[in-house]
Amino acid sequence: MERKDSRSPVGRISAGTHAVITGGSSGIGFATARLLVSRGARVSLVARDAERLEKAARKLQDCGGRVATASVDVADQDGVDKAFAGLVERQGACDILVTSAGITHPGYFGDLSPEVFRRVMDTNYFGTLWPIQAVVPQMIERGRGSIVGISSLVGMYGTFGYTAFSPSKFAVRGLLESLRDELTPHGVHVGYVCPPDVDTPHYAYEQPHLPAEYKAFANAMAVMPPEEVAGEIVRGIERRKSRMVIGATNQLAVATFGLLPGALHWYVDRVVRKVRRRGGSGAPGRGDRRFLR
């Protein structure tokens, strides 16, 4: 499932390209950075944890990469503006922005505090918006650039157990779809990728918090390595794709449930009934209210 702007030329990544990647110290962000370095790009990594950032930078430098870092919370607009200004001063204007930073906290709706919903939205949506706002003026002025955001398969349709996370990824998708139409006339490519479960620190964090009902219908889905998502991101940049749903099965599911939304609800209801008949569900209520910081 992909959409490509046939009016725009293919954009090859070459030596001298400056790519800024939020959430670049691990997971999808780091895998994308490593692939871009292999193409000769200069890479700037943005993340909160300074120690993890430096470790990631050293790994890329060992591969011959020219790397800069900025430690900042992407939910902090002023901090993002200052960090991006510093990176541009050190590495040159941003040619590629990949917004990979994000957090998650699944669970039953009644177990999630208001702070969970607020923090997840601040990081996933506003943490995508602020970096984009920091680079768009220069991209418009130069008449080129590429922006790719990370939505999710659960950003394509609401998902049991993800009442905090799924809406934040819907918001990311809506932002990027709107931006695509607005920035295309300026020569700026905008796209988003919708991966399924990916083998990242966030995936490991989620496991003890996932409702039994979600686990039952997620068992059929393979966990994807971050390198596969990174490959799709880089191909999407080069081919100027606007939407990337990874995996033939996932593409089929998105197409089917888009045309027949009742089919998705029927399937989910059926799985939920099975789980609850076996007594495998956890009752929504006042549960664990911690979330990833």
C-alpha atoms as a PDB file:
ATOM      1  CA  MET A   1       0.000   0.000   0.000  1.00  0.00           C
ATOM      2  CA  GLU A   2       1.862   3.069  -1.216  1.00  0.00           C
ATOM      3  CA  ARG A   3       1.125   6.409  -2.777  1.00  0.00           C
ATOM      4  CA  LYS A   4       3.683   8.067  -4.978  1.00  0.00           C
ATOM      5  CA  ASP A   5       3.787  11.602  -6.295  1.00  0.00           C
ATOM      6  CA  SER A   6       4.190  11.058 -10.030  1.00  0.00           C
ATOM      7  CA  ARG A   7       4.750  14.785 -10.575  1.00  0.00           C
ATOM      8  CA  SER A   8       7.993  14.810  -8.577  1.00  0.00           C
ATOM      9  CA  PRO A   9      11.362  13.356  -9.609  1.00  0.00           C
ATOM     10  CA  VAL A  10      13.010  10.523  -7.749  1.00  0.00           C
ATOM     11  CA  GLY A  11      15.296  11.996  -5.089  1.00  0.00           C
ATOM     12  CA  ARG A  12      18.585  10.139  -4.738  1.00  0.00           C
ATOM     13  CA  ILE A  13      20.452  10.296  -1.439  1.00  0.00           C
ATOM     14  CA  SER A  14      24.106  11.169  -1.956  1.00  0.00           C
ATOM     15  CA  ALA A  15      27.212  12.399  -0.165  1.00  0.00           C
ATOM     16  CA  GLY A  16      26.526  15.798   1.340  1.00  0.00           C
ATOM     17  CA  THR A  17      22.862  15.160   2.114  1.00  0.00           C
ATOM     18  CA  HIS A  18      22.049  16.250   5.665  1.00  0.00           C
ATOM     19  CA  ALA A  19      19.475  14.061   7.421  1.00  0.00           C
ATOM     20  CA  VAL A  20      18.065  14.902  10.859  1.00  0.00           C
ATOM     21  CA  ILE A  21      16.485  11.982  12.711  1.00  0.00           C
ATOM     22  CA  THR A  22      14.512  12.351  15.913  1.00  0.00           C
ATOM     23  CA  GLY A  23      14.505   9.287  18.144  1.00  0.00           C
ATOM     24  CA  GLY A  24      17.802   8.520  16.436  1.00  0.00           C
ATOM     25  CA  SER A  25      19.581   6.785  19.297  1.00  0.00           C
ATOM     26  CA  SER A  26      17.755   3.441  18.979  1.00  0.00           C
ATOM     27  CA  GLY A  27      15.167   1.389  17.126  1.00  0.00           C
ATOM     28  CA  ILE A  28      13.824   2.600  13.786  1.00  0.00           C
ATOM     29  CA  GLY A  29      15.604   5.951  14.074  1.00  0.00           C
ATOM     30  CA  PHE A  30      19.050   4.448  14.568  1.00  0.00           C
ATOM     31  CA  ALA A  31      18.527   1.829  11.853  1.00  0.00           C
ATOM     32  CA  THR A  32      17.534   4.613   9.442  1.00  0.00           C
ATOM     33  CA  ALA A  33      20.562   6.683  10.425  1.00  0.00           C
ATOM     34  CA  ARG A  34      22.882   3.754   9.806  1.00  0.00           C
ATOM     35  CA  LEU A  35      21.385   3.147   6.363  1.00  0.00           C
ATOM     36  CA  LEU A  36      21.651   6.828   5.441  1.00  0.00           C
ATOM     37  CA  VAL A  37      25.288   6.914   6.587  1.00  0.00           C
ATOM     38  CA  SER A  38      25.965   3.972   4.278  1.00  0.00           C
ATOM     39  CA  ARG A  39      24.635   6.162   1.430  1.00  0.00           C
ATOM     40  CA  GLY A  40      27.086   8.934   2.329  1.00  0.00           C
ATOM     41  CA  ALA A  41      24.671  11.259   4.121  1.00  0.00           C
ATOM     42  CA  ARG A  42      25.635  13.490   7.024  1.00  0.00           C
ATOM     43  CA  VAL A  43      23.397  12.546   9.950  1.00  0.00           C
ATOM     44  CA  SER A  44      22.185  14.462  12.994  1.00  0.00           C
ATOM     45  CA  LEU A  45      20.623  12.432  15.799  1.00  0.00           C
ATOM     46  CA  VAL A  46      18.064  13.944  18.178  1.00  0.00           C
ATOM     47  CA  ALA A  47      16.912  12.186  21.364  1.00  0.00           C
ATOM     48  CA  ARG A  48      16.483  12.835  25.092  1.00  0.00           C
ATOM     49  CA  ASP A  49      19.152  10.575  26.573  1.00  0.00           C
ATOM     50  CA  ALA A  50      22.573  12.169  25.992  1.00  0.00           C
ATOM     51  CA  GLU A  51      24.491   9.024  26.939  1.00  0.00           C
ATOM     52  CA  ARG A  52      22.582   6.815  24.494  1.00  0.00           C
ATOM     53  CA  LEU A  53      22.966   9.484  21.836  1.00  0.00           C
ATOM     54  CA  GLU A  54      26.734   9.499  22.172  1.00  0.00           C
ATOM     55  CA  LYS A  55      26.907   5.707  22.023  1.00  0.00           C
ATOM     56  CA  ALA A  56      24.802   5.725  18.866  1.00  0.00           C
ATOM     57  CA  ALA A  57      26.949   8.472  17.341  1.00  0.00           C
ATOM     58  CA  ARG A  58      30.154   6.529  18.032  1.00  0.00           C
ATOM     59  CA  LYS A  59      28.729   3.454  16.296  1.00  0.00           C
ATOM     60  CA  LEU A  60      27.911   5.513  13.215  1.00  0.00           C
ATOM     61  CA  GLN A  61      31.275   7.253  13.270  1.00  0.00           C
ATOM     62  CA  ASP A  62      32.962   3.857  13.383  1.00  0.00           C
ATOM     63  CA  CYS A  63      31.166   3.194  10.072  1.00  0.00           C
ATOM     64  CA  GLY A  64      32.639   6.376   8.623  1.00  0.00           C
ATOM     65  CA  GLY A  65      29.646   8.612   9.292  1.00  0.00           C
ATOM     66  CA  ARG A  66      29.744  12.345   9.882  1.00  0.00           C
ATOM     67  CA  VAL A  67      27.444  12.648  12.881  1.00  0.00           C
ATOM     68  CA  ALA A  68      26.143  15.404  15.145  1.00  0.00           C
ATOM     69  CA  THR A  69      23.822  15.023  18.130  1.00  0.00           C
ATOM     70  CA  ALA A  70      21.350  17.120  20.112  1.00  0.00           C
ATOM     71  CA  SER A  71      19.826  16.002  23.403  1.00  0.00           C
ATOM     72  CA  VAL A  72      16.308  17.426  23.698  1.00  0.00           C
ATOM     73  CA  ASP A  73      12.745  16.371  24.478  1.00  0.00           C
ATOM     74  CA  VAL A  74      10.887  16.675  21.161  1.00  0.00           C
ATOM     75  CA  ALA A  75       7.756  17.754  23.067  1.00  0.00           C
ATOM     76  CA  ASP A  76       9.614  20.966  24.065  1.00  0.00           C
ATOM     77  CA  GLN A  77       9.059  23.404  21.184  1.00  0.00           C
ATOM     78  CA  ASP A  78      11.665  25.968  22.291  1.00  0.00           C
ATOM     79  CA  GLY A  79      14.187  23.212  22.933  1.00  0.00           C
ATOM     80  CA  VAL A  80      13.575  21.716  19.495  1.00  0.00           C
ATOM     81  CA  ASP A  81      13.986  25.105  17.770  1.00  0.00           C
ATOM     82  CA  LYS A  82      17.323  25.717  19.504  1.00  0.00           C
ATOM     83  CA  ALA A  83      18.565  22.172  18.890  1.00  0.00           C
ATOM     84  CA  PHE A  84      17.716  22.262  15.179  1.00  0.00           C
ATOM     85  CA  ALA A  85      19.302  25.686  14.736  1.00  0.00           C
ATOM     86  CA  GLY A  86      22.504  24.322  16.250  1.00  0.00           C
ATOM     87  CA  LEU A  87      22.476  21.233  14.032  1.00  0.00           C
ATOM     88  CA  VAL A  88      21.948  23.311  10.896  1.00  0.00           C
ATOM     89  CA  GLU A  89      24.822  25.564  11.899  1.00  0.00           C
ATOM     90  CA  ARG A  90      27.099  22.529  12.318  1.00  0.00           C
ATOM     91  CA  GLN A  91      25.917  20.312   9.460  1.00  0.00           C
ATOM     92  CA  GLY A  92      24.189  22.593   6.964  1.00  0.00           C
ATOM     93  CA  ALA A  93      20.549  22.956   5.945  1.00  0.00           C
ATOM     94  CA  CYS A  94      18.324  19.940   6.585  1.00  0.00           C
ATOM     95  CA  ASP A  95      17.633  17.969   3.394  1.00  0.00           C
ATOM     96  CA  ILE A  96      15.829  15.044   5.076  1.00  0.00           C
ATOM     97  CA  LEU A  97      13.846  14.937   8.303  1.00  0.00           C
ATOM     98  CA  VAL A  98      12.730  11.611   9.779  1.00  0.00           C
ATOM     99  CA  THR A  99      10.558  11.987  12.884  1.00  0.00           C
ATOM    100  CA  SER A 100      10.997   8.684  14.676  1.00  0.00           C
ATOM    101  CA  ALA A 101      10.782   9.814  18.305  1.00  0.00           C
ATOM    102  CA  GLY A 102       7.774   8.453  20.151  1.00  0.00           C
ATOM    103  CA  ILE A 103       6.495   6.753  23.287  1.00  0.00           C
ATOM    104  CA  THR A 104       3.793   4.205  23.998  1.00  0.00           C
ATOM    105  CA  HIS A 105       1.747   2.880  26.854  1.00  0.00           C
ATOM    106  CA  PRO A 106      -0.974   0.313  26.124  1.00  0.00           C
ATOM    107  CA  GLY A 107      -3.563  -0.855  28.603  1.00  0.00           C
ATOM    108  CA  TYR A 108      -7.268  -0.835  29.395  1.00  0.00           C
ATOM    109  CA  PHE A 109      -8.795   2.621  29.095  1.00  0.00           C
ATOM    110  CA  GLY A 110      -9.838   2.694  32.760  1.00  0.00           C
ATOM    111  CA  ASP A 111      -6.287   1.951  33.876  1.00  0.00           C
ATOM    112  CA  LEU A 112      -4.686   4.887  32.063  1.00  0.00           C
ATOM    113  CA  SER A 113      -4.316   8.214  33.821  1.00  0.00           C
ATOM    114  CA  PRO A 114      -4.901  11.563  32.087  1.00  0.00           C
ATOM    115  CA  GLU A 115      -1.145  12.128  32.247  1.00  0.00           C
ATOM    116  CA  VAL A 116      -0.577   9.089  30.022  1.00  0.00           C
ATOM    117  CA  PHE A 117      -2.852  10.455  27.299  1.00  0.00           C
ATOM    118  CA  ARG A 118      -1.300  13.905  27.521  1.00  0.00           C
ATOM    119  CA  ARG A 119       2.301  12.734  27.459  1.00  0.00           C
ATOM    120  CA  VAL A 120       1.775  10.286  24.605  1.00  0.00           C
ATOM    121  CA  MET A 121       0.104  12.978  22.490  1.00  0.00           C
ATOM    122  CA  ASP A 122       2.715  15.589  23.399  1.00  0.00           C
ATOM    123  CA  THR A 123       5.567  13.314  22.376  1.00  0.00           C
ATOM    124  CA  ASN A 124       4.103  11.521  19.367  1.00  0.00           C
ATOM    125  CA  TYR A 125       2.110  14.333  17.747  1.00  0.00           C
ATOM    126  CA  PHE A 126       3.671  17.572  18.944  1.00  0.00           C
ATOM    127  CA  GLY A 127       7.061  15.866  18.960  1.00  0.00           C
ATOM    128  CA  THR A 128       6.493  15.360  15.226  1.00  0.00           C
ATOM    129  CA  LEU A 129       5.036  18.821  14.602  1.00  0.00           C
ATOM    130  CA  TRP A 130       7.797  20.913  16.241  1.00  0.00           C
ATOM    131  CA  PRO A 131      10.695  19.378  14.254  1.00  0.00           C
ATOM    132  CA  ILE A 132       8.702  19.771  11.026  1.00  0.00           C
ATOM    133  CA  GLN A 133       8.032  23.430  11.798  1.00  0.00           C
ATOM    134  CA  ALA A 134      11.757  23.883  12.413  1.00  0.00           C
ATOM    135  CA  VAL A 135      12.776  22.698   8.924  1.00  0.00           C
ATOM    136  CA  VAL A 136       9.896  23.575   6.585  1.00  0.00           C
ATOM    137  CA  PRO A 137      10.761  27.280   6.029  1.00  0.00           C
ATOM    138  CA  GLN A 138      14.259  26.419   4.787  1.00  0.00           C
ATOM    139  CA  MET A 139      12.965  23.574   2.636  1.00  0.00           C
ATOM    140  CA  ILE A 140      10.394  25.870   0.993  1.00  0.00           C
ATOM    141  CA  GLU A 141      13.045  28.538   0.444  1.00  0.00           C
ATOM    142  CA  ARG A 142      15.391  26.012  -1.203  1.00  0.00           C
ATOM    143  CA  GLY A 143      12.609  24.314  -3.178  1.00  0.00           C
ATOM    144  CA  ARG A 144      13.518  20.816  -2.036  1.00  0.00           C
ATOM    145  CA  GLY A 145      13.575  18.456   0.932  1.00  0.00           C
ATOM    146  CA  SER A 146      11.970  15.335   2.306  1.00  0.00           C
ATOM    147  CA  ILE A 147       9.978  14.767   5.499  1.00  0.00           C
ATOM    148  CA  VAL A 148       8.988  11.288   6.661  1.00  0.00           C
ATOM    149  CA  GLY A 149       7.061  10.639   9.875  1.00  0.00           C
ATOM    150  CA  ILE A 150       6.432   7.383  11.706  1.00  0.00           C
ATOM    151  CA  SER A 151       2.759   6.637  12.144  1.00  0.00           C
ATOM    152  CA  SER A 152       1.749   3.033  12.801  1.00  0.00           C
ATOM    153  CA  LEU A 153      -0.494   0.258  11.621  1.00  0.00           C
ATOM    154  CA  VAL A 154      -2.662   1.184  14.628  1.00  0.00           C
ATOM    155  CA  GLY A 155      -2.704   4.716  13.237  1.00  0.00           C
ATOM    156  CA  MET A 156      -4.786   3.374  10.341  1.00  0.00           C
ATOM    157  CA  TYR A 157      -7.625   2.126  12.560  1.00  0.00           C
ATOM    158  CA  GLY A 158      -8.418   2.269  16.267  1.00  0.00           C
ATOM    159  CA  THR A 159      -7.045  -0.669  18.211  1.00  0.00           C
ATOM    160  CA  PHE A 160      -8.102  -2.420  21.419  1.00  0.00           C
ATOM    161  CA  GLY A 161      -5.757  -1.484  24.264  1.00  0.00           C
ATOM    162  CA  TYR A 162      -4.227   1.506  22.474  1.00  0.00           C
ATOM    163  CA  THR A 163      -6.610   4.321  23.416  1.00  0.00           C
ATOM    164  CA  ALA A 164      -3.634   6.588  24.219  1.00  0.00           C
ATOM    165  CA  PHE A 165      -1.234   5.541  21.462  1.00  0.00           C
ATOM    166  CA  SER A 166      -3.534   4.923  18.478  1.00  0.00           C
ATOM    167  CA  PRO A 167      -5.093   8.435  18.417  1.00  0.00           C
ATOM    168  CA  SER A 168      -1.630  10.014  18.572  1.00  0.00           C
ATOM    169  CA  LYS A 169      -0.625   8.081  15.460  1.00  0.00           C
ATOM    170  CA  PHE A 170      -3.893   9.024  13.726  1.00  0.00           C
ATOM    171  CA  ALA A 171      -2.888  12.636  14.417  1.00  0.00           C
ATOM    172  CA  VAL A 172       0.574  12.115  12.939  1.00  0.00           C
ATOM    173  CA  ARG A 173      -0.958  10.593   9.812  1.00  0.00           C
ATOM    174  CA  GLY A 174      -3.456  13.444   9.464  1.00  0.00           C
ATOM    175  CA  LEU A 175      -0.720  16.054   9.827  1.00  0.00           C
ATOM    176  CA  LEU A 176       1.493  14.470   7.184  1.00  0.00           C
ATOM    177  CA  GLU A 177      -1.339  13.825   4.719  1.00  0.00           C
ATOM    178  CA  SER A 178      -2.343  17.486   4.992  1.00  0.00           C
ATOM    179  CA  LEU A 179       1.241  18.682   4.686  1.00  0.00           C
ATOM    180  CA  ARG A 180       1.865  16.528   1.637  1.00  0.00           C
ATOM    181  CA  ASP A 181      -0.722  18.444  -0.374  1.00  0.00           C
ATOM    182  CA  GLU A 182       0.448  21.824   0.897  1.00  0.00           C
ATOM    183  CA  LEU A 183       4.199  21.304   0.402  1.00  0.00           C
ATOM    184  CA  THR A 184       4.253  19.402  -2.886  1.00  0.00           C
ATOM    185  CA  PRO A 185       3.968  22.619  -4.958  1.00  0.00           C
ATOM    186  CA  HIS A 186       7.115  23.844  -3.167  1.00  0.00           C
ATOM    187  CA  GLY A 187       9.109  20.771  -4.208  1.00  0.00           C
ATOM    188  CA  VAL A 188       9.074  19.265  -0.707  1.00  0.00           C
ATOM    189  CA  HIS A 189       8.279  15.563  -0.357  1.00  0.00           C
ATOM    190  CA  VAL A 190       6.170  14.489   2.646  1.00  0.00           C
ATOM    191  CA  GLY A 191       5.384  10.908   3.562  1.00  0.00           C
ATOM    192  CA  TYR A 192       4.629   8.604   6.458  1.00  0.00           C
ATOM    193  CA  VAL A 193       5.264   4.965   7.239  1.00  0.00           C
ATOM    194  CA  CYS A 194       2.855   2.619   9.046  1.00  0.00           C
ATOM    195  CA  PRO A 195       4.796  -0.327  10.465  1.00  0.00           C
ATOM    196  CA  PRO A 196       3.324  -3.174  12.515  1.00  0.00           C
ATOM    197  CA  ASP A 197       5.037  -4.322  15.727  1.00  0.00           C
ATOM    198  CA  VAL A 198       8.778  -3.633  15.423  1.00  0.00           C
ATOM    199  CA  ASP A 199      11.571  -5.123  17.536  1.00  0.00           C
ATOM    200  CA  THR A 200      12.532  -1.955  19.414  1.00  0.00           C
ATOM    201  CA  PRO A 201      12.903  -0.911  23.073  1.00  0.00           C
ATOM    202  CA  HIS A 202       9.309   0.375  22.911  1.00  0.00           C
ATOM    203  CA  TYR A 203       8.060  -3.054  21.846  1.00  0.00           C
ATOM    204  CA  ALA A 204       9.836  -4.654  24.814  1.00  0.00           C
ATOM    205  CA  TYR A 205       8.384  -2.009  27.141  1.00  0.00           C
ATOM    206  CA  GLU A 206       4.840  -2.692  25.950  1.00  0.00           C
ATOM    207  CA  GLN A 207       4.722  -6.418  26.622  1.00  0.00           C
ATOM    208  CA  PRO A 208       3.778  -6.464  30.332  1.00  0.00           C
ATOM    209  CA  HIS A 209       1.132  -3.778  29.773  1.00  0.00           C
ATOM    210  CA  LEU A 210      -0.698  -5.319  26.799  1.00  0.00           C
ATOM    211  CA  PRO A 211      -4.276  -6.505  27.410  1.00  0.00           C
ATOM    212  CA  ALA A 212      -4.855 -10.217  26.856  1.00  0.00           C
ATOM    213  CA  GLU A 213      -7.394  -9.414  24.147  1.00  0.00           C
ATOM    214  CA  TYR A 214      -4.826  -7.519  22.092  1.00  0.00           C
ATOM    215  CA  LYS A 215      -2.252 -10.279  22.491  1.00  0.00           C
ATOM    216  CA  ALA A 216      -4.765 -12.775  21.122  1.00  0.00           C
ATOM    217  CA  PHE A 217      -5.194 -11.055  17.784  1.00  0.00           C
ATOM    218  CA  ALA A 218      -1.582  -9.816  17.596  1.00  0.00           C
ATOM    219  CA  ASN A 219      -0.165 -13.335  17.838  1.00  0.00           C
ATOM    220  CA  ALA A 220      -0.690 -13.801  14.115  1.00  0.00           C
ATOM    221  CA  MET A 221       1.501 -10.799  13.263  1.00  0.00           C
ATOM    222  CA  ALA A 222       5.243 -11.189  12.892  1.00  0.00           C
ATOM    223  CA  VAL A 223       7.496  -8.732  14.722  1.00  0.00           C
ATOM    224  CA  MET A 224       9.475  -6.750  12.161  1.00  0.00           C
ATOM    225  CA  PRO A 225      13.169  -5.859  12.511  1.00  0.00           C
ATOM    226  CA  PRO A 226      13.831  -2.088  12.543  1.00  0.00           C
ATOM    227  CA  GLU A 227      16.193  -2.469   9.587  1.00  0.00           C
ATOM    228  CA  GLU A 228      13.252  -3.472   7.380  1.00  0.00           C
ATOM    229  CA  VAL A 229      11.349  -0.317   8.331  1.00  0.00           C
ATOM    230  CA  ALA A 230      14.491   1.768   7.738  1.00  0.00           C
ATOM    231  CA  GLY A 231      14.803   0.304   4.257  1.00  0.00           C
ATOM    232  CA  GLU A 232      11.219   1.274   3.474  1.00  0.00           C
ATOM    233  CA  ILE A 233      11.824   4.808   4.752  1.00  0.00           C
ATOM    234  CA  VAL A 234      14.894   5.313   2.572  1.00  0.00           C
ATOM    235  CA  ARG A 235      13.154   3.868  -0.487  1.00  0.00           C
ATOM    236  CA  GLY A 236      10.185   6.118   0.268  1.00  0.00           C
ATOM    237  CA  ILE A 237      12.451   9.162   0.296  1.00  0.00           C
ATOM    238  CA  GLU A 238      14.123   8.200  -2.969  1.00  0.00           C
ATOM    239  CA  ARG A 239      10.811   7.405  -4.689  1.00  0.00           C
ATOM    240  CA  ARG A 240       8.901  10.218  -2.995  1.00  0.00           C
ATOM    241  CA  LYS A 241       6.205   7.958  -1.582  1.00  0.00           C
ATOM    242  CA  SER A 242       3.519   9.616   0.493  1.00  0.00           C
ATOM    243  CA  ARG A 243       2.169   6.516   2.294  1.00  0.00           C
ATOM    244  CA  MET A 244       3.996   3.329   3.191  1.00  0.00           C
ATOM    245  CA  VAL A 245       2.221   0.380   4.805  1.00  0.00           C
ATOM    246  CA  ILE A 246       4.812  -2.345   5.265  1.00  0.00           C
ATOM    247  CA  GLY A 247       4.101  -5.984   4.464  1.00  0.00           C
ATOM    248  CA  ALA A 248       1.682  -7.560   1.981  1.00  0.00           C
ATOM    249  CA  THR A 249      -0.577  -8.915   4.742  1.00  0.00           C
ATOM    250  CA  ASN A 250      -0.806  -5.511   6.394  1.00  0.00           C
ATOM    251  CA  GLN A 251      -1.500  -3.821   3.058  1.00  0.00           C
ATOM    252  CA  LEU A 252      -4.339  -6.259   2.433  1.00  0.00           C
ATOM    253  CA  ALA A 253      -5.756  -5.695   5.931  1.00  0.00           C
ATOM    254  CA  VAL A 254      -5.703  -1.906   5.553  1.00  0.00           C
ATOM    255  CA  ALA A 255      -7.385  -2.106   2.153  1.00  0.00           C
ATOM    256  CA  THR A 256     -10.015  -4.582   3.375  1.00  0.00           C
ATOM    257  CA  PHE A 257     -10.884  -2.787   6.589  1.00  0.00           C
ATOM    258  CA  GLY A 258     -10.913   0.541   4.764  1.00  0.00           C
ATOM    259  CA  LEU A 259     -13.598  -0.747   2.411  1.00  0.00           C
ATOM    260  CA  LEU A 260     -15.393  -2.881   5.009  1.00  0.00           C
ATOM    261  CA  PRO A 261     -14.881  -1.298   8.442  1.00  0.00           C
ATOM    262  CA  GLY A 262     -17.540  -3.570   9.925  1.00  0.00           C
ATOM    263  CA  ALA A 263     -15.327  -6.569   9.154  1.00  0.00           C
ATOM    264  CA  LEU A 264     -12.651  -5.297  11.523  1.00  0.00           C
ATOM    265  CA  HIS A 265     -15.130  -4.754  14.357  1.00  0.00           C
ATOM    266  CA  TRP A 266     -16.615  -8.221  13.755  1.00  0.00           C
ATOM    267  CA  TYR A 267     -13.171  -9.813  13.981  1.00  0.00           C
ATOM    268  CA  VAL A 268     -12.149  -7.902  17.102  1.00  0.00           C
ATOM    269  CA  ASP A 269     -15.452  -8.630  18.871  1.00  0.00           C
ATOM    270  CA  ARG A 270     -15.070 -12.319  18.068  1.00  0.00           C
ATOM    271  CA  VAL A 271     -11.542 -12.475  19.499  1.00  0.00           C
ATOM    272  CA  VAL A 272     -12.529 -10.513  22.609  1.00  0.00           C
ATOM    273  CA  ARG A 273     -15.416 -12.898  23.318  1.00  0.00           C
ATOM    274  CA  LYS A 274     -13.099 -15.910  22.993  1.00  0.00           C
ATOM    275  CA  VAL A 275     -10.527 -14.450  25.362  1.00  0.00           C
ATOM    276  CA  ARG A 276     -13.106 -13.517  27.968  1.00  0.00           C
ATOM    277  CA  ARG A 277     -14.770 -16.913  27.815  1.00  0.00           C
ATOM    278  CA  ARG A 278     -11.394 -18.374  28.740  1.00  0.00           C
ATOM    279  CA  GLY A 279     -11.083 -15.873  31.581  1.00  0.00           C
ATOM    280  CA  GLY A 280      -7.985 -14.320  30.066  1.00  0.00           C
ATOM    281  CA  SER A 281      -8.990 -10.673  30.230  1.00  0.00           C
ATOM    282  CA  GLY A 282      -8.001  -8.143  32.847  1.00  0.00           C
ATOM    283  CA  ALA A 283     -10.837  -6.071  34.240  1.00  0.00           C
ATOM    284  CA  PRO A 284     -10.513  -2.366  33.416  1.00  0.00           C
ATOM    285  CA  GLY A 285     -10.096  -0.322  36.544  1.00  0.00           C
ATOM    286  CA  ARG A 286      -7.487   1.404  38.625  1.00  0.00           C
ATOM    287  CA  GLY A 287      -4.336  -0.339  37.492  1.00  0.00           C
ATOM    288  CA  ASP A 288      -0.703   0.451  36.773  1.00  0.00           C
ATOM    289  CA  ARG A 289      -0.490   4.119  35.826  1.00  0.00           C
ATOM    290  CA  ARG A 290       3.174   4.286  34.926  1.00  0.00           C
ATOM    291  CA  PHE A 291       4.203   5.099  31.378  1.00  0.00           C
ATOM    292  CA  LEU A 292       7.384   5.479  29.382  1.00  0.00           C
ATOM    293  CA  ARG A 293       9.203   8.723  30.041  1.00  0.00           C
END
